[in-house]
Amino acid sequence: MMLDIKISGGSVLDGTGSEAMLTDIGIRGERIVAVGDLSKVDADYEVDASGKVVCPGFIDVHSHSDTYLILEPSAHSKLFQGVTTEVVGNCGASAAPLAGEYRLPSDWLDKEYPGSWSSVAEYRELLEAAKPAPNVFLLIGHNTLHAGIAGYEPRAATESELQKMIYSLEKSLDEGARGLSTGLIYAPGIFAPREEIVALAEVVAKYGGIYTSHMRSESKELLAAIEEALSIGRDAGVRVEISHLKASGKNNWDLLDPALELIRNARQAGQEVAADRYPYTSACTDLDVVFPDWAAEGGREAVLKRLRDRSTVARLREDLLASRSDDAWGSITIGSTSHPDNTRFRGVPLPQVAEALGMDSVDAILYLTESDDLKTGAFFSGMSDDNMLKVLKEPFVMLGSDGSLRAPTGVLSHDYPHPRAYGTFAKFVKMSVNGDTVPLPEAVRKMTSLPAAQFKLADRGILAVGNFADILVFDPQEVRDISSFGDPHKLSEGIDEVIVNGVRTLSYGKLTGQRAGQFLKR
């Protein structure tokens, strides 16, 4: 037997959570063909993994790299932390299908692409032509469907519109998508009733897909939001993934234990539900997420019109002042900006921005969002370290970065991302090695076989004969995240080899230029 690649002498963590075993792995084509003593077997290329860990490639179940994979298919920030599969289309927003009033999120929309698309089939064709390094699993965003057919107005879809949404979802699933996501704190999802989501989730269930949800609340209404997500899953008969599970705001930290209990009870009752989390206590999204629902109506142009109308912005200001105490604005730090004059505020806490502008925090928010054309990003602190660790240790919780890929150079190097885009998986490995969370075999399971099972990724997530050869080699003592809130565009370190579908994509800690990611259809 002649192998294409042999990985020899490594400490193999197979992804199941079992303890490491010293063995060899043989690869031919895109699959693992042998596990065991291969000392007498020849190979075209041999990786000496002595003293290092060998495990399945990591699966990022909550990514926003949809369009960025077309622009930067080498996926630097993800490959260097060991990610070999990305689940995209999260939080209710997907790259396709494009129709009607739906507009891509601003950070996707302001980029130039090598082609255009509207359907999932067309998006997939453009993506596959780019030859992405990681595998890609596509969810369809509920906001994408709703805005494309019913617009951004504060209402539910009519029955006729809902039927069009169902047809569009079915077509997208036929073309290779694998599930539905919601972003219920964003317009128009905030206006959609539960029944609309159930009707769409029923379609996904027929295809054996998954329903993922950025829920209606991750703060004071957390328990009600979890109950809604669970009830949608039960009524639609679909698997449920609760996105970036957290309890935000110090006054809500004590809600985490009952939240976990709700999920545990549902699982014990037989419901297929799990969750994901990133190992940081600051979230990241658009700064205008703090706006009240009425101000988010009608889509981007309508919101900007309100920000540029004196009477309307006065009402918005009053609502923002009443929404939280003065000291609460200190939990916000500015991230990406669009206007050149605002670049100086990247990475700066909101109160300091306000002081530099000679105004209070609420007026600073209004100034930034208007001058940046609603393209201001922000980091929101307010999560508990203890709660974060508690969530990460939960057996049903897997890893999701909640970040799109970036690169230290090129078109994706100019914004100011959350460090999770570069560091999520490396940081979790480091936490495990340092004894801050679960032992390394369990940590690897959370990044490999657990998400593979939840998202039904056939023949992935476990190192076994017949499975796809998505494989990492690393020294756990050397893996570390470098990206920080002060300097985010820093690649993680310590991952020596990344093999995707049998192709050496990263070797000796450097990109090889070879990319073999696949679009993971049913």
Protein backbone atom coordinates (compact mmCIF):
# COMPACT_ATOMS: atom_id res chain seq x y z
CA MET A 1 0.00 0.00 0.00
CA MET A 2 1.33 3.42 -1.01
CA LEU A 3 0.06 6.50 0.82
CA ASP A 4 -0.15 10.09 -0.30
CA ILE A 5 0.51 11.37 3.22
CA LYS A 6 1.59 9.58 6.38
CA ILE A 7 1.41 11.26 9.78
CA SER A 8 3.64 9.29 12.08
CA GLY A 9 4.53 9.22 15.77
CA GLY A 10 1.86 11.63 16.93
CA SER A 11 -0.31 11.63 20.02
CA VAL A 12 -3.69 11.13 18.37
CA LEU A 13 -6.83 12.64 19.82
CA ASP A 14 -9.46 11.12 17.55
CA GLY A 15 -12.18 13.69 18.34
CA THR A 16 -14.44 11.43 20.40
CA GLY A 17 -13.14 12.70 23.74
CA SER A 18 -11.06 9.57 24.30
CA GLU A 19 -7.56 9.86 25.70
CA ALA A 20 -4.67 10.20 23.27
CA MET A 21 -3.07 7.16 21.66
CA LEU A 22 0.33 6.95 19.99
CA THR A 23 -0.33 5.85 16.42
CA ASP A 24 0.06 6.72 12.75
CA ILE A 25 -2.46 7.94 10.19
CA GLY A 26 -2.42 7.20 6.47
CA ILE A 27 -4.12 9.33 3.82
CA ARG A 28 -4.85 8.54 0.19
CA GLY A 29 -6.80 11.04 -1.85
CA GLU A 30 -9.22 12.94 0.35
CA ARG A 31 -9.78 10.17 2.91
CA ILE A 32 -8.09 8.48 5.83
CA VAL A 33 -7.26 4.93 4.72
CA ALA A 34 -5.25 3.62 7.66
CA VAL A 35 -4.84 4.16 11.40
CA GLY A 36 -2.21 2.13 13.27
CA ASP A 37 1.44 1.18 12.96
CA LEU A 38 2.45 2.34 9.49
CA SER A 39 6.20 2.22 10.01
CA LYS A 40 6.63 -0.19 7.12
CA VAL A 41 4.32 1.68 4.76
CA ASP A 42 5.70 4.19 2.26
CA ALA A 43 4.17 7.56 1.50
CA ASP A 44 4.79 10.39 -0.95
CA TYR A 45 4.97 12.76 2.00
CA GLU A 46 5.53 12.06 5.68
CA VAL A 47 4.69 14.35 8.58
CA ASP A 48 6.76 13.63 11.66
CA ALA A 49 4.34 14.37 14.49
CA SER A 50 6.58 13.12 17.29
CA GLY A 51 5.83 14.98 20.50
CA LYS A 52 2.81 16.65 18.96
CA VAL A 53 -0.97 16.25 18.96
CA VAL A 54 -2.83 14.99 15.90
CA CYS A 55 -6.60 15.62 15.81
CA PRO A 56 -9.47 16.34 13.42
CA GLY A 57 -9.71 19.83 11.93
CA PHE A 58 -11.72 22.29 13.98
CA ILE A 59 -15.28 23.19 12.93
CA ASP A 60 -16.37 26.80 13.38
CA VAL A 61 -20.13 26.43 13.72
CA HIS A 62 -20.81 30.16 13.91
CA SER A 63 -19.00 32.09 11.21
CA HIS A 64 -19.85 35.10 9.08
CA SER A 65 -17.33 34.46 6.30
CA ASP A 66 -20.00 34.01 3.58
CA THR A 67 -18.71 36.53 1.04
CA TYR A 68 -15.20 36.92 2.45
CA LEU A 69 -14.35 33.36 1.39
CA ILE A 70 -14.71 34.58 -2.20
CA LEU A 71 -12.38 37.53 -1.58
CA GLU A 72 -9.75 35.74 0.53
CA PRO A 73 -10.16 31.99 -0.05
CA SER A 74 -6.91 31.23 1.81
CA ALA A 75 -8.83 32.14 4.97
CA HIS A 76 -5.71 33.15 6.89
CA SER A 77 -7.30 33.96 10.24
CA LYS A 78 -9.19 30.66 10.33
CA LEU A 79 -6.52 28.32 8.95
CA PHE A 80 -3.87 29.53 11.40
CA GLN A 81 -6.10 28.56 14.32
CA GLY A 82 -6.89 25.15 12.86
CA VAL A 83 -10.36 25.71 11.36
CA THR A 84 -11.05 23.39 8.44
CA THR A 85 -14.83 23.87 8.19
CA GLU A 86 -16.92 27.03 8.52
CA VAL A 87 -20.70 27.17 9.04
CA VAL A 88 -21.80 30.44 7.42
CA GLY A 89 -25.11 32.27 7.03
CA ASN A 90 -25.60 32.81 10.75
CA CYS A 91 -27.62 35.35 12.75
CA GLY A 92 -30.32 35.61 10.09
CA ALA A 93 -28.03 36.99 7.35
CA SER A 94 -26.69 34.92 4.46
CA ALA A 95 -24.97 35.75 1.20
CA ALA A 96 -27.88 34.27 -0.75
CA PRO A 97 -30.58 34.30 -1.95
CA LEU A 98 -30.61 37.98 -2.95
CA ALA A 99 -33.99 39.44 -3.83
CA GLY A 100 -36.23 42.45 -3.37
CA GLU A 101 -35.25 44.96 -0.70
CA TYR A 102 -32.70 42.71 1.02
CA ARG A 103 -29.25 44.22 1.22
CA LEU A 104 -26.13 42.41 2.35
CA PRO A 105 -24.69 43.51 5.71
CA SER A 106 -22.65 46.68 5.25
CA ASP A 107 -19.26 45.02 5.76
CA TRP A 108 -20.04 42.61 2.90
CA LEU A 109 -21.80 45.17 0.74
CA ASP A 110 -18.92 47.63 0.51
CA LYS A 111 -16.53 45.10 -1.06
CA GLU A 112 -15.91 44.41 -4.76
CA TYR A 113 -16.32 40.80 -5.88
CA PRO A 114 -15.08 38.94 -8.96
CA GLY A 115 -18.64 38.23 -10.04
CA SER A 116 -22.26 38.64 -9.05
CA TRP A 117 -24.89 36.25 -7.76
CA SER A 118 -28.47 36.11 -6.53
CA SER A 119 -29.31 32.44 -5.93
CA VAL A 120 -27.54 29.92 -3.75
CA ALA A 121 -26.49 28.06 -6.89
CA GLU A 122 -24.84 31.20 -8.28
CA TYR A 123 -23.18 32.01 -4.95
CA ARG A 124 -21.92 28.45 -4.71
CA GLU A 125 -20.52 28.58 -8.26
CA LEU A 126 -18.58 31.76 -7.47
CA LEU A 127 -17.38 30.35 -4.16
CA GLU A 128 -16.19 27.09 -5.69
CA ALA A 129 -14.39 29.00 -8.44
CA ALA A 130 -12.44 30.81 -5.70
CA LYS A 131 -11.36 27.43 -4.25
CA PRO A 132 -11.69 28.17 -0.53
CA ALA A 133 -9.24 26.56 1.87
CA PRO A 134 -11.86 25.45 4.44
CA ASN A 135 -15.03 23.48 3.83
CA VAL A 136 -18.22 25.57 3.75
CA PHE A 137 -21.63 24.72 5.24
CA LEU A 138 -24.33 27.24 4.32
CA LEU A 139 -27.35 28.31 6.37
CA ILE A 140 -30.07 30.54 4.92
CA GLY A 141 -30.82 33.68 6.90
CA HIS A 142 -34.39 34.34 7.92
CA ASN A 143 -33.80 38.11 7.62
CA THR A 144 -32.45 37.46 4.12
CA LEU A 145 -35.66 35.69 3.14
CA HIS A 146 -38.04 38.05 4.92
CA ALA A 147 -36.45 41.30 3.71
CA GLY A 148 -36.17 39.97 0.17
CA ILE A 149 -39.88 39.21 -0.02
CA ALA A 150 -41.69 41.24 2.66
CA GLY A 151 -39.24 44.11 3.15
CA TYR A 152 -38.09 45.72 6.38
CA GLU A 153 -41.40 47.11 7.60
CA PRO A 154 -42.50 46.31 11.20
CA ARG A 155 -44.90 43.49 10.43
CA ALA A 156 -45.21 39.80 9.87
CA ALA A 157 -45.17 38.40 6.36
CA THR A 158 -48.59 37.92 4.80
CA GLU A 159 -49.67 34.39 3.96
CA SER A 160 -48.79 34.99 0.31
CA GLU A 161 -45.38 36.37 1.25
CA LEU A 162 -44.76 33.48 3.62
CA GLN A 163 -45.44 31.01 0.83
CA LYS A 164 -42.90 32.84 -1.34
CA MET A 165 -40.40 32.67 1.51
CA ILE A 166 -41.01 28.94 1.83
CA TYR A 167 -40.50 28.46 -1.90
CA SER A 168 -37.27 30.48 -1.81
CA LEU A 169 -36.02 28.45 1.16
CA GLU A 170 -36.86 25.15 -0.55
CA LYS A 171 -35.04 26.26 -3.70
CA SER A 172 -32.01 27.29 -1.63
CA LEU A 173 -31.96 23.95 0.17
CA ASP A 174 -32.23 22.13 -3.14
CA GLU A 175 -29.22 24.11 -4.33
CA GLY A 176 -27.08 23.07 -1.37
CA ALA A 177 -27.96 25.06 1.75
CA ARG A 178 -28.29 23.04 4.95
CA GLY A 179 -30.48 24.98 7.37
CA LEU A 180 -32.09 28.20 8.57
CA SER A 181 -30.72 30.86 10.91
CA THR A 182 -32.48 33.70 12.68
CA GLY A 183 -31.20 37.03 13.97
CA LEU A 184 -34.11 38.11 16.14
CA ILE A 185 -32.54 41.30 17.49
CA TYR A 186 -32.08 42.68 13.97
CA ALA A 187 -34.65 44.11 11.55
CA PRO A 188 -36.77 42.65 10.11
CA GLY A 189 -36.44 39.57 12.35
CA ILE A 190 -37.45 41.57 15.42
CA PHE A 191 -40.88 42.02 13.86
CA ALA A 192 -41.41 38.40 12.80
CA PRO A 193 -43.81 36.31 14.90
CA ARG A 194 -42.87 32.88 16.15
CA GLU A 195 -45.35 31.24 13.76
CA GLU A 196 -43.49 32.59 10.72
CA ILE A 197 -40.27 31.02 11.92
CA VAL A 198 -41.94 27.70 12.72
CA ALA A 199 -43.34 27.51 9.18
CA LEU A 200 -39.85 27.98 7.72
CA ALA A 201 -38.22 25.64 10.23
CA GLU A 202 -40.69 22.92 9.21
CA VAL A 203 -39.28 23.14 5.69
CA VAL A 204 -35.75 22.73 7.03
CA ALA A 205 -36.85 19.71 9.06
CA LYS A 206 -38.09 17.97 5.91
CA TYR A 207 -34.60 18.33 4.46
CA GLY A 208 -32.94 17.01 7.61
CA GLY A 209 -31.44 20.44 8.25
CA ILE A 210 -30.81 22.53 11.34
CA TYR A 211 -32.30 25.68 12.87
CA THR A 212 -29.82 28.08 14.52
CA SER A 213 -30.87 31.17 16.42
CA HIS A 214 -29.44 34.44 17.59
CA MET A 215 -32.36 34.71 19.98
CA ARG A 216 -34.58 37.69 20.78
CA SER A 217 -32.71 38.35 24.00
CA GLU A 218 -29.42 37.44 25.61
CA SER A 219 -30.05 39.63 28.66
CA LYS A 220 -33.10 40.17 30.86
CA GLU A 221 -35.45 38.15 28.61
CA LEU A 222 -32.95 35.31 28.15
CA LEU A 223 -35.15 32.57 29.60
CA ALA A 224 -38.15 33.54 27.47
CA ALA A 225 -35.89 33.62 24.40
CA ILE A 226 -34.61 30.11 25.11
CA GLU A 227 -38.16 28.87 25.64
CA GLU A 228 -39.11 30.30 22.24
CA ALA A 229 -36.15 28.66 20.50
CA LEU A 230 -36.96 25.31 22.11
CA SER A 231 -40.64 25.57 21.24
CA ILE A 232 -39.82 26.35 17.60
CA GLY A 233 -37.68 23.24 17.50
CA ARG A 234 -40.40 21.08 19.05
CA ASP A 235 -43.21 22.38 16.85
CA ALA A 236 -41.18 22.18 13.65
CA GLY A 237 -39.47 18.89 14.52
CA VAL A 238 -36.06 20.35 13.76
CA ARG A 239 -32.64 20.29 15.46
CA VAL A 240 -31.88 23.52 17.33
CA GLU A 241 -28.59 25.33 17.82
CA ILE A 242 -28.60 28.25 20.26
CA SER A 243 -26.03 30.73 19.00
CA HIS A 244 -23.35 32.29 21.24
CA LEU A 245 -25.03 31.32 24.52
CA LYS A 246 -24.55 34.03 27.15
CA ALA A 247 -26.18 36.16 29.83
CA SER A 248 -25.29 39.77 29.08
CA GLY A 249 -25.33 42.53 31.67
CA LYS A 250 -24.29 42.11 35.28
CA ASN A 251 -27.91 42.26 36.47
CA ASN A 252 -28.63 39.20 34.31
CA TRP A 253 -25.67 36.99 35.17
CA ASP A 254 -27.76 34.92 37.57
CA LEU A 255 -29.99 33.88 34.65
CA LEU A 256 -27.32 31.61 33.23
CA ASP A 257 -27.88 28.66 35.57
CA PRO A 258 -31.65 28.47 34.89
CA ALA A 259 -30.89 28.96 31.18
CA LEU A 260 -28.57 25.97 31.17
CA GLU A 261 -31.15 23.99 33.11
CA LEU A 262 -33.79 24.71 30.46
CA ILE A 263 -31.52 23.30 27.77
CA ARG A 264 -30.48 20.29 29.87
CA ASN A 265 -34.13 19.45 30.58
CA ALA A 266 -35.02 19.71 26.89
CA ARG A 267 -32.15 17.38 25.99
CA GLN A 268 -33.16 14.90 28.69
CA ALA A 269 -36.67 14.94 27.25
CA GLY A 270 -35.23 13.89 23.89
CA GLN A 271 -35.06 17.21 22.07
CA GLU A 272 -32.08 17.68 19.75
CA VAL A 273 -30.69 20.99 20.99
CA ALA A 274 -27.16 22.25 21.57
CA ALA A 275 -25.36 25.59 21.77
CA ASP A 276 -22.15 27.35 20.84
CA ARG A 277 -19.95 29.95 22.50
CA TYR A 278 -16.72 31.89 21.97
CA PRO A 279 -14.11 32.21 24.77
CA TYR A 280 -14.44 35.98 25.24
CA THR A 281 -16.60 38.16 27.48
CA SER A 282 -17.13 40.94 24.95
CA ALA A 283 -19.57 40.66 22.07
CA CYS A 284 -19.29 42.46 18.75
CA THR A 285 -21.90 43.77 16.35
CA ASP A 286 -23.01 47.03 14.71
CA LEU A 287 -23.21 49.98 17.09
CA ASP A 288 -26.76 50.78 15.94
CA VAL A 289 -27.97 47.56 17.60
CA VAL A 290 -28.64 49.84 20.63
CA PHE A 291 -31.37 51.67 18.68
CA PRO A 292 -35.01 51.00 19.66
CA ASP A 293 -37.09 48.83 17.34
CA TRP A 294 -38.95 51.75 15.75
CA ALA A 295 -35.67 53.33 14.66
CA ALA A 296 -34.57 50.12 12.89
CA GLU A 297 -37.67 49.92 10.68
CA GLY A 298 -37.47 50.11 6.90
CA GLY A 299 -33.88 49.14 6.24
CA ARG A 300 -30.62 51.05 6.06
CA GLU A 301 -31.72 54.06 4.01
CA ALA A 302 -34.74 54.63 6.24
CA VAL A 303 -32.58 54.50 9.36
CA LEU A 304 -30.08 56.96 7.90
CA LYS A 305 -32.93 59.30 6.96
CA ARG A 306 -34.05 59.30 10.59
CA LEU A 307 -30.51 60.07 11.77
CA ARG A 308 -30.47 63.09 9.47
CA ASP A 309 -33.86 64.45 10.52
CA ARG A 310 -33.69 66.85 13.46
CA SER A 311 -37.03 65.96 15.04
CA THR A 312 -36.63 62.21 14.62
CA VAL A 313 -33.09 62.14 15.94
CA ALA A 314 -34.28 64.11 18.99
CA ARG A 315 -36.79 61.34 19.72
CA LEU A 316 -34.12 58.69 19.17
CA ARG A 317 -31.80 60.53 21.55
CA GLU A 318 -34.44 60.59 24.27
CA ASP A 319 -35.13 56.89 23.85
CA LEU A 320 -31.43 56.06 24.05
CA LEU A 321 -30.99 58.15 27.20
CA ALA A 322 -33.90 56.33 28.80
CA SER A 323 -32.72 52.88 27.71
CA ARG A 324 -29.85 52.58 30.20
CA SER A 325 -27.99 54.44 32.91
CA ASP A 326 -25.19 56.86 32.05
CA ASP A 327 -22.47 54.56 33.37
CA ALA A 328 -23.72 51.63 31.24
CA TRP A 329 -22.39 53.26 28.07
CA GLY A 330 -18.90 52.61 29.41
CA SER A 331 -19.26 48.93 28.47
CA ILE A 332 -19.04 49.85 24.76
CA THR A 333 -15.78 50.15 22.82
CA ILE A 334 -15.70 51.29 19.19
CA GLY A 335 -14.55 48.76 16.60
CA SER A 336 -14.59 49.27 12.83
CA THR A 337 -15.45 52.68 11.39
CA SER A 338 -16.07 53.95 7.87
CA HIS A 339 -15.49 57.71 7.81
CA PRO A 340 -11.78 58.65 7.71
CA ASP A 341 -12.22 61.10 10.60
CA ASN A 342 -13.43 58.27 12.83
CA THR A 343 -10.47 55.93 12.36
CA ARG A 344 -8.86 57.45 15.47
CA PHE A 345 -11.68 56.03 17.59
CA ARG A 346 -11.08 52.37 16.75
CA GLY A 347 -10.38 50.40 19.91
CA VAL A 348 -11.37 53.38 22.09
CA PRO A 349 -14.06 53.14 24.84
CA LEU A 350 -17.19 55.11 24.03
CA PRO A 351 -16.85 57.56 26.97
CA GLN A 352 -13.38 58.55 25.74
CA VAL A 353 -14.74 59.01 22.22
CA ALA A 354 -17.48 61.23 23.62
CA GLU A 355 -14.95 63.28 25.57
CA ALA A 356 -12.80 63.76 22.46
CA LEU A 357 -15.87 64.92 20.54
CA GLY A 358 -17.02 67.22 23.34
CA MET A 359 -20.39 65.52 23.75
CA ASP A 360 -22.06 62.87 25.87
CA SER A 361 -22.04 59.16 25.02
CA VAL A 362 -25.47 59.06 23.40
CA ASP A 363 -24.65 61.97 21.11
CA ALA A 364 -21.37 60.27 20.25
CA ILE A 365 -23.33 57.17 19.18
CA LEU A 366 -25.59 59.29 16.98
CA TYR A 367 -22.60 61.12 15.50
CA LEU A 368 -20.65 57.95 14.71
CA THR A 369 -23.53 55.95 13.24
CA GLU A 370 -24.60 58.85 11.02
CA SER A 371 -21.12 59.84 9.83
CA ASP A 372 -20.16 56.19 9.24
CA ASP A 373 -23.37 55.53 7.25
CA LEU A 374 -24.34 52.84 9.81
CA LYS A 375 -21.00 51.07 9.34
CA THR A 376 -19.75 51.52 12.91
CA GLY A 377 -18.85 48.32 14.71
CA ALA A 378 -18.61 48.02 18.48
CA PHE A 379 -17.47 45.69 21.23
CA PHE A 380 -19.95 45.21 24.07
CA SER A 381 -18.54 44.00 27.38
CA GLY A 382 -20.81 42.90 30.20
CA MET A 383 -20.41 39.14 30.37
CA SER A 384 -19.10 37.21 33.35
CA ASP A 385 -15.81 35.29 33.19
CA ASP A 386 -17.24 32.65 35.53
CA ASN A 387 -20.32 32.26 33.35
CA MET A 388 -18.19 32.01 30.23
CA LEU A 389 -16.19 29.15 31.72
CA LYS A 390 -19.37 27.47 32.94
CA VAL A 391 -20.85 27.57 29.42
CA LEU A 392 -17.65 26.33 27.79
CA LYS A 393 -17.52 23.34 30.14
CA GLU A 394 -21.09 22.26 29.36
CA PRO A 395 -21.00 18.96 27.40
CA PHE A 396 -23.46 20.16 24.73
CA VAL A 397 -21.63 23.44 24.02
CA MET A 398 -19.29 23.65 21.03
CA LEU A 399 -17.09 26.45 19.70
CA GLY A 400 -18.23 29.19 17.35
CA SER A 401 -16.17 32.30 16.65
CA ASP A 402 -19.08 34.56 15.62
CA GLY A 403 -16.48 36.16 13.36
CA SER A 404 -15.78 36.31 9.66
CA LEU A 405 -12.34 35.51 8.37
CA ARG A 406 -9.71 38.23 8.10
CA ALA A 407 -6.14 38.54 6.84
CA PRO A 408 -3.23 40.68 8.03
CA THR A 409 -2.82 42.11 4.50
CA GLY A 410 -5.13 42.81 1.59
CA VAL A 411 -8.75 43.83 1.39
CA LEU A 412 -9.71 42.15 4.67
CA SER A 413 -7.02 43.86 6.71
CA HIS A 414 -8.48 47.36 6.82
CA ASP A 415 -11.24 47.07 9.41
CA TYR A 416 -11.04 46.56 13.18
CA PRO A 417 -12.44 43.12 14.08
CA HIS A 418 -13.06 41.44 17.39
CA PRO A 419 -10.03 39.25 18.26
CA ARG A 420 -12.27 36.19 18.08
CA ALA A 421 -11.92 36.30 14.27
CA TYR A 422 -8.24 35.39 14.66
CA GLY A 423 -8.07 33.66 18.02
CA THR A 424 -11.17 31.72 19.13
CA PHE A 425 -9.90 28.16 18.65
CA ALA A 426 -6.27 28.81 19.56
CA LYS A 427 -7.42 30.56 22.73
CA PHE A 428 -9.63 27.63 23.70
CA VAL A 429 -6.75 25.18 23.20
CA LYS A 430 -4.54 27.40 25.35
CA MET A 431 -7.23 27.61 28.04
CA SER A 432 -7.47 23.82 28.07
CA VAL A 433 -3.71 23.31 28.30
CA ASN A 434 -3.55 25.85 31.14
CA GLY A 435 -6.27 24.01 33.06
CA ASP A 436 -8.77 26.86 32.79
CA THR A 437 -11.49 24.77 31.15
CA VAL A 438 -12.02 21.16 30.08
CA PRO A 439 -9.10 18.71 29.48
CA LEU A 440 -7.66 18.66 25.96
CA PRO A 441 -9.45 15.47 24.76
CA GLU A 442 -12.80 17.04 25.68
CA ALA A 443 -11.78 20.42 24.26
CA VAL A 444 -10.97 18.74 20.95
CA ARG A 445 -14.33 16.90 21.00
CA LYS A 446 -16.11 20.25 21.37
CA MET A 447 -14.39 21.53 18.23
CA THR A 448 -14.69 18.34 16.12
CA SER A 449 -17.07 15.41 16.64
CA LEU A 450 -19.66 17.37 18.66
CA PRO A 451 -20.29 19.97 15.93
CA ALA A 452 -19.97 17.32 13.21
CA ALA A 453 -22.79 15.35 14.85
CA GLN A 454 -24.98 18.39 15.53
CA PHE A 455 -24.66 19.74 11.98
CA LYS A 456 -24.68 16.27 10.36
CA LEU A 457 -21.30 16.61 8.66
CA ALA A 458 -20.95 13.14 7.23
CA ASP A 459 -17.58 11.41 7.71
CA ARG A 460 -15.99 14.36 9.49
CA GLY A 461 -15.04 15.27 13.03
CA ILE A 462 -13.43 11.92 13.96
CA LEU A 463 -10.10 10.44 12.86
CA ALA A 464 -11.21 7.05 11.54
CA VAL A 465 -10.67 4.97 8.43
CA GLY A 466 -13.05 6.09 5.69
CA ASN A 467 -13.51 9.62 7.01
CA PHE A 468 -12.37 12.74 5.21
CA ALA A 469 -8.79 13.74 5.99
CA ASP A 470 -9.37 17.07 7.76
CA ILE A 471 -6.45 16.89 10.18
CA LEU A 472 -4.32 19.14 12.40
CA VAL A 473 -0.86 18.64 13.88
CA PHE A 474 0.28 20.94 16.68
CA ASP A 475 2.28 21.23 19.87
CA PRO A 476 -0.34 22.16 22.49
CA GLN A 477 2.27 24.06 24.50
CA GLU A 478 2.95 26.33 21.54
CA VAL A 479 -0.61 27.15 20.45
CA ARG A 480 -1.65 30.66 21.40
CA ASP A 481 -3.85 33.51 20.26
CA ILE A 482 -2.06 36.78 19.50
CA SER A 483 -4.98 38.98 18.40
CA SER A 484 -6.13 41.54 20.96
CA PHE A 485 -8.63 44.38 21.23
CA GLY A 486 -5.71 46.80 20.90
CA ASP A 487 -4.17 45.06 17.87
CA PRO A 488 -6.63 42.60 16.31
CA HIS A 489 -5.00 41.67 12.98
CA LYS A 490 -2.61 39.07 14.40
CA LEU A 491 -2.54 35.42 13.29
CA SER A 492 -2.63 32.70 15.93
CA GLU A 493 0.51 30.64 16.42
CA GLY A 494 1.38 27.01 17.04
CA ILE A 495 -0.60 25.07 14.43
CA ASP A 496 2.05 23.23 12.37
CA GLU A 497 0.01 21.30 9.81
CA VAL A 498 -3.51 21.76 8.45
CA ILE A 499 -4.76 19.11 6.02
CA VAL A 500 -8.15 19.66 4.37
CA ASN A 501 -9.68 16.83 2.36
CA GLY A 502 -6.26 15.20 2.10
CA VAL A 503 -4.46 18.34 0.90
CA ARG A 504 -1.67 20.02 2.89
CA THR A 505 -3.06 23.53 3.18
CA LEU A 506 -0.76 24.78 5.93
CA SER A 507 2.61 23.14 6.54
CA TYR A 508 5.38 24.06 8.97
CA GLY A 509 3.16 26.93 10.05
CA LYS A 510 2.97 28.45 6.55
CA LEU A 511 0.29 28.42 3.84
CA THR A 512 1.17 26.05 1.00
CA GLY A 513 -1.00 27.75 -1.62
CA GLN A 514 -3.01 24.54 -2.05
CA ARG A 515 -6.73 24.75 -1.23
CA ALA A 516 -9.22 21.89 -1.24
CA GLY A 517 -12.23 23.05 0.76
CA GLN A 518 -15.60 21.70 -0.36
CA PHE A 519 -19.11 23.14 -0.34
CA LEU A 520 -20.82 20.69 2.01
CA LYS A 521 -24.20 20.00 0.47
CA ARG A 522 -26.57 17.22 1.51
